[in-house]
Amino acid sequence: MGIITRGDLVRALETQNNDGLTVLEAGCGNLIVTYPDEVLHDAVTKMVRNDIGRLPVVTRNMPHQLVGYLGRAAVMSARLRRVEEEHEREPGWLQGLA
């Protein structure tokens, strides 16, 4: 399994002899993945450290079969819901942070 990122495409298109470049050659070599049972913080850390917008989700026993993907937007939406839940439980708790 592999993924071609926007950065991979830019690099591939900037090479001089890219006419015969295959998809495999244009893609990244070391695929970074996450697992359904991985702690969300660890998956987000992978995304931040590697400047990745989406992580493929695979199972540990079948790492070449894509289950889904985890994207920045989904992470941010989940975090926002949690902040809103905290605010509902303790109104005004955000005021002390400003």
N, C-alpha and C. Protein backbone atom coordinates (compact mmCIF):
# COMPACT_ATOMS: atom_id res chain seq x y z
N MET A 1 0.84 -1.17 0.00
CA MET A 1 0.00 0.00 0.00
C MET A 1 0.89 1.23 0.00
N GLY A 2 0.43 2.26 -0.64
CA GLY A 2 1.17 3.51 -0.66
C GLY A 2 0.23 4.67 -0.83
N ILE A 3 0.75 5.84 -0.58
CA ILE A 3 -0.03 7.07 -0.73
C ILE A 3 0.83 8.07 -1.45
N ILE A 4 0.21 8.82 -2.31
CA ILE A 4 0.92 9.92 -2.97
C ILE A 4 0.37 11.22 -2.40
N THR A 5 1.23 11.99 -1.79
CA THR A 5 0.84 13.26 -1.19
C THR A 5 1.02 14.39 -2.19
N ARG A 6 0.50 15.53 -1.84
CA ARG A 6 0.68 16.72 -2.67
C ARG A 6 2.17 17.02 -2.81
N GLY A 7 2.91 16.88 -1.71
CA GLY A 7 4.36 17.11 -1.76
C GLY A 7 5.06 16.14 -2.69
N ASP A 8 4.62 14.88 -2.69
CA ASP A 8 5.19 13.89 -3.60
C ASP A 8 4.96 14.30 -5.05
N LEU A 9 3.76 14.77 -5.34
CA LEU A 9 3.45 15.19 -6.71
C LEU A 9 4.29 16.38 -7.14
N VAL A 10 4.43 17.35 -6.24
CA VAL A 10 5.24 18.53 -6.56
C VAL A 10 6.67 18.13 -6.85
N ARG A 11 7.24 17.28 -5.98
CA ARG A 11 8.62 16.82 -6.19
C ARG A 11 8.75 16.06 -7.50
N ALA A 12 7.78 15.21 -7.79
CA ALA A 12 7.83 14.42 -9.03
C ALA A 12 7.74 15.31 -10.26
N LEU A 13 6.89 16.31 -10.21
CA LEU A 13 6.73 17.19 -11.36
C LEU A 13 7.92 18.13 -11.55
N GLU A 14 8.68 18.36 -10.48
CA GLU A 14 9.85 19.22 -10.57
C GLU A 14 11.08 18.50 -11.11
N THR A 15 11.03 17.17 -11.16
CA THR A 15 12.18 16.43 -11.70
C THR A 15 12.23 16.63 -13.21
N GLN A 16 13.44 16.59 -13.74
CA GLN A 16 13.61 16.88 -15.17
C GLN A 16 13.00 15.81 -16.07
N ASN A 17 13.24 14.57 -15.76
CA ASN A 17 12.75 13.48 -16.63
C ASN A 17 11.59 12.77 -15.95
N ASN A 18 10.44 13.40 -15.90
CA ASN A 18 9.31 12.79 -15.22
C ASN A 18 8.29 12.17 -16.18
N ASP A 19 8.59 12.15 -17.47
CA ASP A 19 7.64 11.62 -18.45
C ASP A 19 7.30 10.15 -18.20
N GLY A 20 8.29 9.34 -17.85
CA GLY A 20 8.05 7.92 -17.64
C GLY A 20 7.91 7.55 -16.18
N LEU A 21 7.77 8.54 -15.31
CA LEU A 21 7.68 8.30 -13.87
C LEU A 21 6.40 7.55 -13.53
N THR A 22 6.54 6.47 -12.80
CA THR A 22 5.36 5.69 -12.41
C THR A 22 4.79 6.22 -11.10
N VAL A 23 3.59 5.81 -10.81
CA VAL A 23 2.94 6.19 -9.56
C VAL A 23 3.76 5.70 -8.37
N LEU A 24 4.26 4.48 -8.47
CA LEU A 24 5.08 3.91 -7.40
C LEU A 24 6.32 4.74 -7.16
N GLU A 25 6.97 5.17 -8.22
CA GLU A 25 8.18 5.98 -8.09
C GLU A 25 7.89 7.36 -7.52
N ALA A 26 6.73 7.90 -7.80
CA ALA A 26 6.38 9.24 -7.32
C ALA A 26 5.97 9.24 -5.85
N GLY A 27 5.47 8.12 -5.36
CA GLY A 27 4.97 8.04 -3.99
C GLY A 27 6.08 8.02 -2.95
N CYS A 28 5.64 8.17 -1.72
CA CYS A 28 6.61 8.15 -0.61
C CYS A 28 7.00 6.70 -0.31
N GLY A 29 8.21 6.52 0.15
CA GLY A 29 8.72 5.18 0.40
C GLY A 29 8.30 4.60 1.74
N ASN A 30 8.33 5.41 2.77
CA ASN A 30 8.01 4.93 4.12
C ASN A 30 6.63 5.42 4.52
N LEU A 31 5.66 4.55 4.40
CA LEU A 31 4.29 4.92 4.72
C LEU A 31 4.10 4.96 6.24
N ILE A 32 3.59 6.06 6.72
CA ILE A 32 3.30 6.22 8.15
C ILE A 32 1.81 5.97 8.32
N VAL A 33 1.47 5.06 9.22
CA VAL A 33 0.07 4.66 9.42
C VAL A 33 -0.31 4.78 10.89
N THR A 34 -1.60 4.61 11.14
CA THR A 34 -2.11 4.49 12.49
C THR A 34 -3.04 3.29 12.53
N TYR A 35 -3.41 2.89 13.73
CA TYR A 35 -4.23 1.69 13.92
C TYR A 35 -5.50 2.06 14.68
N PRO A 36 -6.57 1.31 14.50
CA PRO A 36 -7.82 1.62 15.20
C PRO A 36 -7.67 1.65 16.72
N ASP A 37 -6.75 0.87 17.26
CA ASP A 37 -6.58 0.81 18.71
C ASP A 37 -5.48 1.74 19.23
N GLU A 38 -4.90 2.55 18.35
CA GLU A 38 -3.83 3.46 18.77
C GLU A 38 -4.44 4.66 19.49
N VAL A 39 -3.75 5.14 20.52
CA VAL A 39 -4.20 6.32 21.25
C VAL A 39 -4.19 7.51 20.30
N LEU A 40 -5.26 8.29 20.31
CA LEU A 40 -5.40 9.41 19.39
C LEU A 40 -4.23 10.39 19.51
N HIS A 41 -3.79 10.65 20.71
CA HIS A 41 -2.65 11.56 20.91
C HIS A 41 -1.43 11.08 20.15
N ASP A 42 -1.18 9.78 20.16
CA ASP A 42 -0.02 9.23 19.44
C ASP A 42 -0.17 9.39 17.93
N ALA A 43 -1.38 9.18 17.43
CA ALA A 43 -1.62 9.36 15.99
C ALA A 43 -1.45 10.82 15.60
N VAL A 44 -1.96 11.73 16.41
CA VAL A 44 -1.82 13.16 16.12
C VAL A 44 -0.36 13.57 16.17
N THR A 45 0.39 13.02 17.11
CA THR A 45 1.82 13.31 17.20
C THR A 45 2.52 12.90 15.91
N LYS A 46 2.17 11.75 15.36
CA LYS A 46 2.75 11.33 14.07
C LYS A 46 2.43 12.34 12.98
N MET A 47 1.19 12.81 12.98
CA MET A 47 0.77 13.77 11.96
C MET A 47 1.56 15.07 12.06
N VAL A 48 1.72 15.56 13.28
CA VAL A 48 2.41 16.84 13.48
C VAL A 48 3.90 16.70 13.17
N ARG A 49 4.53 15.68 13.71
CA ARG A 49 5.98 15.51 13.52
C ARG A 49 6.36 15.29 12.06
N ASN A 50 5.46 14.70 11.30
CA ASN A 50 5.76 14.39 9.89
C ASN A 50 5.04 15.32 8.91
N ASP A 51 4.36 16.34 9.45
CA ASP A 51 3.61 17.29 8.63
C ASP A 51 2.68 16.57 7.65
N ILE A 52 1.86 15.69 8.22
CA ILE A 52 0.93 14.88 7.45
C ILE A 52 -0.49 15.34 7.76
N GLY A 53 -1.29 15.54 6.73
CA GLY A 53 -2.67 15.97 6.92
C GLY A 53 -3.63 14.81 7.15
N ARG A 54 -3.26 13.63 6.68
CA ARG A 54 -4.10 12.44 6.83
C ARG A 54 -3.22 11.23 7.07
N LEU A 55 -3.70 10.36 7.94
CA LEU A 55 -2.99 9.11 8.22
C LEU A 55 -3.87 7.94 7.79
N PRO A 56 -3.33 7.01 7.02
CA PRO A 56 -4.10 5.80 6.72
C PRO A 56 -4.29 4.98 7.99
N VAL A 57 -5.47 4.42 8.16
CA VAL A 57 -5.76 3.55 9.29
C VAL A 57 -5.79 2.12 8.76
N VAL A 58 -4.94 1.27 9.34
CA VAL A 58 -4.87 -0.14 8.96
C VAL A 58 -4.93 -0.98 10.22
N THR A 59 -5.30 -2.25 10.06
CA THR A 59 -5.28 -3.14 11.22
C THR A 59 -3.89 -3.73 11.37
N ARG A 60 -3.56 -4.09 12.59
CA ARG A 60 -2.22 -4.63 12.86
C ARG A 60 -2.01 -5.98 12.19
N ASN A 61 -3.06 -6.79 12.09
CA ASN A 61 -2.89 -8.12 11.49
C ASN A 61 -2.98 -8.11 9.97
N MET A 62 -3.47 -7.01 9.37
CA MET A 62 -3.53 -6.88 7.91
C MET A 62 -3.10 -5.46 7.53
N PRO A 63 -1.81 -5.15 7.71
CA PRO A 63 -1.34 -3.77 7.53
C PRO A 63 -1.40 -3.26 6.09
N HIS A 64 -1.68 -4.11 5.14
CA HIS A 64 -1.77 -3.66 3.74
C HIS A 64 -3.21 -3.42 3.30
N GLN A 65 -4.15 -3.60 4.23
CA GLN A 65 -5.56 -3.35 3.90
C GLN A 65 -6.02 -2.08 4.60
N LEU A 66 -6.44 -1.12 3.82
CA LEU A 66 -6.88 0.17 4.34
C LEU A 66 -8.25 0.04 4.99
N VAL A 67 -8.36 0.51 6.23
CA VAL A 67 -9.63 0.51 6.96
C VAL A 67 -10.31 1.87 6.82
N GLY A 68 -9.50 2.91 6.78
CA GLY A 68 -10.01 4.27 6.68
C GLY A 68 -8.84 5.23 6.78
N TYR A 69 -9.14 6.48 7.10
CA TYR A 69 -8.06 7.42 7.32
C TYR A 69 -8.46 8.40 8.42
N LEU A 70 -7.47 8.95 9.06
CA LEU A 70 -7.66 9.95 10.11
C LEU A 70 -7.13 11.26 9.57
N GLY A 71 -7.98 12.27 9.49
CA GLY A 71 -7.58 13.56 8.95
C GLY A 71 -7.57 14.64 10.01
N ARG A 72 -6.86 15.73 9.72
CA ARG A 72 -6.78 16.85 10.66
C ARG A 72 -8.16 17.41 11.00
N ALA A 73 -9.03 17.51 10.01
CA ALA A 73 -10.36 18.07 10.26
C ALA A 73 -11.13 17.22 11.26
N ALA A 74 -11.03 15.90 11.16
CA ALA A 74 -11.72 15.01 12.10
C ALA A 74 -11.16 15.17 13.50
N VAL A 75 -9.85 15.31 13.60
CA VAL A 75 -9.21 15.50 14.91
C VAL A 75 -9.67 16.81 15.53
N MET A 76 -9.67 17.87 14.74
CA MET A 76 -10.08 19.18 15.25
C MET A 76 -11.55 19.19 15.65
N SER A 77 -12.40 18.53 14.88
CA SER A 77 -13.83 18.45 15.21
C SER A 77 -14.04 17.71 16.53
N ALA A 78 -13.32 16.61 16.71
CA ALA A 78 -13.43 15.85 17.95
C ALA A 78 -12.96 16.68 19.14
N ARG A 79 -11.87 17.41 18.95
CA ARG A 79 -11.35 18.26 20.03
C ARG A 79 -12.33 19.38 20.37
N LEU A 80 -12.93 19.99 19.35
CA LEU A 80 -13.90 21.05 19.57
C LEU A 80 -15.10 20.53 20.34
N ARG A 81 -15.60 19.34 19.98
CA ARG A 81 -16.72 18.75 20.72
C ARG A 81 -16.37 18.56 22.18
N ARG A 82 -15.15 18.13 22.44
CA ARG A 82 -14.73 17.90 23.82
C ARG A 82 -14.66 19.22 24.60
N VAL A 83 -14.14 20.25 23.98
CA VAL A 83 -14.07 21.57 24.62
C VAL A 83 -15.49 22.07 24.91
N GLU A 84 -16.40 21.90 23.95
CA GLU A 84 -17.78 22.33 24.16
C GLU A 84 -18.45 21.55 25.28
N GLU A 85 -18.18 20.25 25.38
CA GLU A 85 -18.73 19.44 26.47
C GLU A 85 -18.21 19.92 27.82
N GLU A 86 -16.92 20.22 27.89
CA GLU A 86 -16.33 20.74 29.12
C GLU A 86 -16.98 22.07 29.50
N HIS A 87 -17.20 22.90 28.50
CA HIS A 87 -17.81 24.22 28.75
C HIS A 87 -19.24 24.06 29.28
N GLU A 88 -19.98 23.07 28.76
CA GLU A 88 -21.34 22.83 29.24
C GLU A 88 -21.33 22.33 30.68
N ARG A 89 -20.35 21.50 31.03
CA ARG A 89 -20.26 20.98 32.40
C ARG A 89 -19.82 22.06 33.37
N GLU A 90 -18.90 22.90 32.94
CA GLU A 90 -18.36 23.96 33.80
C GLU A 90 -18.40 25.29 33.05
N PRO A 91 -19.57 25.92 32.98
CA PRO A 91 -19.66 27.20 32.26
C PRO A 91 -18.65 28.20 32.82
N GLY A 92 -18.01 28.90 31.92
CA GLY A 92 -17.07 29.93 32.33
C GLY A 92 -15.64 29.45 32.53
N TRP A 93 -15.38 28.15 32.39
CA TRP A 93 -14.01 27.67 32.64
C TRP A 93 -13.02 28.19 31.62
N LEU A 94 -13.50 28.56 30.45
CA LEU A 94 -12.60 29.11 29.43
C LEU A 94 -12.19 30.55 29.73
N GLN A 95 -12.96 31.26 30.53
CA GLN A 95 -12.68 32.67 30.80
C GLN A 95 -11.34 32.87 31.47
N GLY A 96 -10.94 31.95 32.31
CA GLY A 96 -9.66 32.08 33.01
C GLY A 96 -8.46 31.84 32.13
N LEU A 97 -8.66 31.36 30.91
CA LEU A 97 -7.55 31.06 30.01
C LEU A 97 -7.12 32.26 29.19
N ALA A 98 -7.95 33.26 29.09
CA ALA A 98 -7.63 34.42 28.24
C ALA A 98 -6.67 35.38 28.91
